[in-house]
Amino acid sequence: MAFRPKRALAVFWKDFLDLRKNIGLLLSMCMLPLVFIFVPIGVVWTYAQRPDDPNLRVIAQYYDRALPLGANAARFLIDRTLTDWFGMFLVMPVFVPILISSQSVAGEKERRTLEPLLASPVTAAELVAGKSLASLVPAVGISWVAFILFCIGVDIVAWPLVRGPLMPNALWSFGIFILAPLFAFFGNGVAVLISARVSEARTAQQLSALVVLPLVGLVGGQVAGWLTAGVGYYAVQGVVVLLLDAVLLVASIRLLDRERLISRWG
């Protein structure tokens, strides 16, 4: 059966309307970006307010023992914070789709709304496309809005020290507009696969959320000074995630086949 975009869009619109009614889920989606916006802004503000603190140079030399004597330690730490925090920021486009997709697949089972959907002529590819769009559009949109607010906040609090805009820079622009959609698709794919195998949305969310742990671990390695991040480092991550996205897409279409769902959840 040929892929028809109208049917995929119908699935997307149905899930999008369901999302609008879920106040608890919407609040959960909004709380995470607030943390990722205000925590690094607070750190940058602290460095900018006390640029002459001798302790800052001690911290800076932990990351770069060859830091020149005339270098501004506060500015060095601000740049380092922005680089390291970017890895943590990528957790958001992964985690938000997990919240949505877990509800849109396993939640269908709990709400008894899967049967009418399977009775329609929608194909597995259309089902995956529609549900993925319902997850990806809010996730990417939230990431972009959070990025804009983050840039404004950082530039405001850092202005007294740097006397110029710091954000957006090349790393963050590349990450938000290229990596964030890839990571969002990854989180969505994992949640769809797990949701199709379990019967409760909460269980699907808990299991799917485990995929963010490797990202948090990598960020921990950066903060500890074990990893040096940059555009090249994240470009490699992007290639890996792109390959994983392709695998997850194929697996999702196979797993959400009508006959498989009926036999498993019937």
Protein backbone atom coordinates (compact mmCIF):
# COMPACT_ATOMS: atom_id res chain seq x y z
CA MET A 1 0.00 0.00 0.00
CA ALA A 2 1.38 3.39 -1.01
CA PHE A 3 2.37 5.97 1.59
CA ARG A 4 -0.19 8.79 1.77
CA PRO A 5 0.90 11.96 3.56
CA LYS A 6 -2.71 12.94 4.32
CA ARG A 7 -3.22 9.87 6.49
CA ALA A 8 0.08 10.49 8.30
CA LEU A 9 -0.98 14.10 8.93
CA ALA A 10 -4.32 12.86 10.27
CA VAL A 11 -2.47 10.69 12.81
CA PHE A 12 -0.27 13.67 13.67
CA TRP A 13 -3.25 15.96 14.21
CA LYS A 14 -5.05 13.38 16.38
CA ASP A 15 -2.00 12.96 18.63
CA PHE A 16 -1.39 16.70 18.71
CA LEU A 17 -4.94 17.33 19.94
CA ASP A 18 -4.50 14.61 22.57
CA LEU A 19 -1.28 16.30 23.70
CA ARG A 20 -3.04 19.64 24.16
CA LYS A 21 -5.48 18.00 26.57
CA ASN A 22 -2.75 16.46 28.74
CA ILE A 23 -1.96 19.31 31.13
CA GLY A 24 0.39 17.24 33.27
CA LEU A 25 2.49 16.26 30.28
CA LEU A 26 2.62 19.84 29.02
CA LEU A 27 3.86 21.04 32.42
CA SER A 28 6.54 18.32 32.44
CA MET A 29 7.69 19.42 29.00
CA CYS A 30 8.00 23.04 30.14
CA MET A 31 9.88 22.42 33.40
CA LEU A 32 12.92 20.78 31.80
CA PRO A 33 13.74 23.71 29.48
CA LEU A 34 13.57 26.13 32.41
CA VAL A 35 16.32 24.20 34.18
CA PHE A 36 18.48 24.07 31.05
CA ILE A 37 18.05 27.82 30.53
CA PHE A 38 18.50 29.30 33.98
CA VAL A 39 21.21 27.07 35.49
CA PRO A 40 23.95 27.95 32.95
CA ILE A 41 22.82 31.58 32.88
CA GLY A 42 23.31 31.65 36.65
CA VAL A 43 26.79 30.16 36.32
CA VAL A 44 27.79 32.69 33.66
CA TRP A 45 26.39 35.52 35.79
CA THR A 46 28.50 34.36 38.76
CA TYR A 47 31.71 34.40 36.70
CA ALA A 48 30.89 37.77 35.13
CA GLN A 49 30.16 39.40 38.51
CA ARG A 50 33.46 38.32 40.10
CA PRO A 51 36.05 38.34 37.29
CA ASP A 52 38.93 39.22 39.64
CA ASP A 53 38.34 36.37 42.09
CA PRO A 54 41.69 34.49 42.33
CA ASN A 55 39.83 31.22 42.83
CA LEU A 56 38.59 31.44 39.24
CA ARG A 57 42.14 31.14 37.93
CA VAL A 58 42.67 28.02 40.02
CA ILE A 59 39.56 26.47 38.47
CA ALA A 60 40.59 27.57 34.98
CA GLN A 61 44.05 26.05 35.34
CA TYR A 62 42.46 22.73 36.21
CA TYR A 63 41.15 22.63 32.64
CA ASP A 64 44.15 24.31 31.01
CA ARG A 65 47.45 24.22 32.87
CA ALA A 66 49.04 26.29 30.11
CA LEU A 67 46.62 29.17 30.58
CA PRO A 68 48.63 32.40 30.02
CA LEU A 69 49.12 34.69 33.00
CA GLY A 70 47.41 37.54 31.23
CA ALA A 71 44.37 35.49 30.24
CA ASN A 72 41.02 36.39 31.78
CA ALA A 73 40.06 33.36 33.88
CA ALA A 74 36.43 34.41 34.14
CA ARG A 75 36.10 34.68 30.35
CA PHE A 76 37.83 31.31 29.94
CA LEU A 77 35.40 29.67 32.37
CA ILE A 78 32.40 31.27 30.70
CA ASP A 79 33.48 29.88 27.31
CA ARG A 80 34.11 26.52 28.93
CA THR A 81 30.69 26.54 30.60
CA LEU A 82 28.95 27.30 27.31
CA THR A 83 30.80 24.46 25.58
CA ASP A 84 30.20 21.91 28.32
CA TRP A 85 26.57 22.85 28.90
CA PHE A 86 25.75 22.31 25.25
CA GLY A 87 26.07 18.56 25.78
CA MET A 88 23.57 18.74 28.62
CA PHE A 89 21.26 20.89 26.51
CA LEU A 90 21.01 18.03 24.00
CA VAL A 91 19.26 15.97 26.68
CA MET A 92 16.18 18.14 26.13
CA PRO A 93 15.45 17.21 22.49
CA VAL A 94 15.92 13.56 23.49
CA PHE A 95 13.80 13.61 26.63
CA VAL A 96 10.79 15.60 25.41
CA PRO A 97 9.95 13.14 22.58
CA ILE A 98 10.21 10.31 25.10
CA LEU A 99 7.49 11.93 27.21
CA ILE A 100 5.23 12.40 24.19
CA SER A 101 5.84 9.17 22.28
CA SER A 102 5.38 7.02 25.37
CA GLN A 103 1.92 8.48 25.75
CA SER A 104 1.01 8.30 22.08
CA VAL A 105 1.83 4.59 21.69
CA ALA A 106 1.55 2.78 25.03
CA GLY A 107 -1.03 5.36 26.09
CA GLU A 108 -3.23 4.22 23.21
CA LYS A 109 -3.40 0.82 24.85
CA GLU A 110 -4.41 2.27 28.22
CA ARG A 111 -7.05 4.57 26.73
CA ARG A 112 -8.47 1.83 24.48
CA THR A 113 -8.03 4.09 21.43
CA LEU A 114 -5.68 1.82 19.51
CA GLU A 115 -8.37 -0.42 18.05
CA PRO A 116 -10.14 2.34 16.04
CA LEU A 117 -6.76 3.47 14.74
CA LEU A 118 -5.88 -0.03 13.58
CA ALA A 119 -9.29 -0.37 11.96
CA SER A 120 -8.49 2.58 9.71
CA PRO A 121 -6.58 2.11 6.43
CA VAL A 122 -3.44 3.76 7.84
CA THR A 123 -0.21 1.87 7.10
CA ALA A 124 2.64 1.21 9.50
CA ALA A 125 4.81 3.82 7.77
CA GLU A 126 2.04 6.40 7.98
CA LEU A 127 1.44 5.55 11.64
CA VAL A 128 5.13 5.97 12.47
CA ALA A 129 5.36 9.21 10.46
CA GLY A 130 2.28 10.73 12.10
CA LYS A 131 3.21 9.81 15.65
CA SER A 132 6.83 10.85 15.10
CA LEU A 133 5.75 14.27 13.84
CA ALA A 134 3.50 14.70 16.88
CA SER A 135 6.57 14.12 19.02
CA LEU A 136 9.26 15.86 16.98
CA VAL A 137 7.47 19.13 16.22
CA PRO A 138 6.92 20.08 19.91
CA ALA A 139 10.37 18.79 20.93
CA VAL A 140 12.26 20.74 18.28
CA GLY A 141 10.06 23.80 18.78
CA ILE A 142 10.70 23.80 22.54
CA SER A 143 14.44 23.35 21.95
CA TRP A 144 14.56 26.31 19.57
CA VAL A 145 12.56 28.58 21.88
CA ALA A 146 14.74 27.58 24.83
CA PHE A 147 17.83 28.27 22.72
CA ILE A 148 16.63 31.79 21.88
CA LEU A 149 15.89 32.57 25.54
CA PHE A 150 19.23 31.05 26.55
CA CYS A 151 21.14 33.23 24.08
CA ILE A 152 19.38 36.38 25.27
CA GLY A 153 19.99 35.54 28.92
CA VAL A 154 23.68 34.70 28.48
CA ASP A 155 24.37 37.84 26.46
CA ILE A 156 22.67 40.02 29.08
CA VAL A 157 24.49 38.63 32.14
CA ALA A 158 27.88 38.39 30.38
CA TRP A 159 27.77 41.86 28.83
CA PRO A 160 29.44 43.71 31.76
CA LEU A 161 32.51 41.49 31.32
CA VAL A 162 32.77 40.77 27.58
CA ARG A 163 31.13 43.94 26.22
CA GLY A 164 29.75 42.01 23.27
CA PRO A 165 27.45 39.14 22.34
CA LEU A 166 28.62 35.61 23.13
CA MET A 167 25.64 33.73 21.77
CA PRO A 168 24.75 32.26 19.40
CA ASN A 169 28.13 30.84 18.46
CA ALA A 170 29.05 28.28 15.78
CA LEU A 171 28.86 25.27 18.09
CA TRP A 172 25.43 26.06 19.47
CA SER A 173 24.00 27.06 16.09
CA PHE A 174 25.21 23.81 14.53
CA GLY A 175 23.91 21.80 17.45
CA ILE A 176 20.48 23.35 17.77
CA PHE A 177 19.59 23.38 14.08
CA ILE A 178 21.31 20.14 13.01
CA LEU A 179 21.90 17.91 16.04
CA ALA A 180 18.75 18.70 18.02
CA PRO A 181 16.36 17.29 15.35
CA LEU A 182 18.55 14.18 15.02
CA PHE A 183 18.59 13.65 18.78
CA ALA A 184 14.84 14.28 18.97
CA PHE A 185 14.23 11.62 16.33
CA PHE A 186 16.45 9.25 18.32
CA GLY A 187 14.48 9.79 21.53
CA ASN A 188 11.23 9.37 19.64
CA GLY A 189 12.40 6.14 17.99
CA VAL A 190 13.49 4.59 21.26
CA ALA A 191 10.20 5.53 22.96
CA VAL A 192 8.12 4.15 20.07
CA LEU A 193 9.94 0.82 20.14
CA ILE A 194 9.68 0.43 23.91
CA SER A 195 6.07 1.65 23.99
CA ALA A 196 5.10 -0.96 21.41
CA ARG A 197 6.48 -3.68 23.70
CA VAL A 198 4.97 -2.60 27.03
CA SER A 199 1.39 -1.95 28.07
CA GLU A 200 1.78 1.13 30.30
CA ALA A 201 2.90 4.60 29.30
CA ARG A 202 4.66 5.18 32.62
CA THR A 203 6.75 2.04 32.19
CA ALA A 204 7.61 3.10 28.65
CA GLN A 205 8.74 6.52 29.88
CA GLN A 206 10.90 5.08 32.63
CA LEU A 207 12.63 2.58 30.36
CA SER A 208 13.05 5.03 27.48
CA ALA A 209 14.53 7.69 29.80
CA LEU A 210 17.52 5.43 30.39
CA VAL A 211 18.91 6.45 26.98
CA VAL A 212 19.77 9.91 28.34
CA LEU A 213 22.24 8.41 30.82
CA PRO A 214 25.07 8.02 28.25
CA LEU A 215 24.61 11.68 27.29
CA VAL A 216 24.80 12.75 30.92
CA GLY A 217 27.90 10.59 31.33
CA LEU A 218 29.60 12.27 28.38
CA VAL A 219 28.80 15.69 29.81
CA GLY A 220 30.24 14.54 33.13
CA GLY A 221 33.42 13.56 31.31
CA GLN A 222 33.62 17.06 29.80
CA VAL A 223 33.09 18.79 33.14
CA ALA A 224 35.72 16.55 34.72
CA GLY A 225 38.17 17.53 31.99
CA TRP A 226 38.44 14.03 30.53
CA LEU A 227 36.83 14.94 27.20
CA THR A 228 37.47 17.96 24.99
CA ALA A 229 34.30 18.94 23.15
CA GLY A 230 33.98 21.02 20.00
CA VAL A 231 32.22 21.11 16.66
CA GLY A 232 34.17 18.06 15.44
CA TYR A 233 33.33 16.08 18.57
CA TYR A 234 29.61 16.79 18.22
CA ALA A 235 29.72 16.20 14.46
CA VAL A 236 30.87 12.64 15.17
CA GLN A 237 28.00 12.28 17.64
CA GLY A 238 25.63 13.51 14.97
CA VAL A 239 26.80 10.92 12.43
CA VAL A 240 26.37 8.13 15.00
CA VAL A 241 22.89 9.33 15.97
CA LEU A 242 21.91 9.67 12.30
CA LEU A 243 22.79 6.01 11.70
CA LEU A 244 20.87 5.00 14.82
CA ASP A 245 17.88 7.04 13.61
CA ALA A 246 17.81 5.08 10.36
CA VAL A 247 17.88 1.77 12.24
CA LEU A 248 15.14 2.92 14.64
CA LEU A 249 12.95 4.09 11.76
CA VAL A 250 13.08 0.71 10.03
CA ALA A 251 12.51 -1.13 13.32
CA SER A 252 9.57 1.10 14.25
CA ILE A 253 7.80 0.52 10.93
CA ARG A 254 8.22 -3.22 11.30
CA LEU A 255 7.09 -3.28 14.92
CA LEU A 256 4.05 -1.04 14.38
CA ASP A 257 2.72 -3.25 11.62
CA ARG A 258 -1.05 -3.71 12.05
CA GLU A 259 -0.92 -7.50 12.26
CA ARG A 260 1.85 -7.39 14.89
CA LEU A 261 -0.05 -4.92 17.06
CA ILE A 262 -3.32 -6.80 16.81
CA SER A 263 -1.70 -10.11 17.70
CA ARG A 264 0.21 -8.56 20.63
CA TRP A 265 -2.43 -6.21 22.04
CA GLY A 266 -5.56 -7.84 20.80
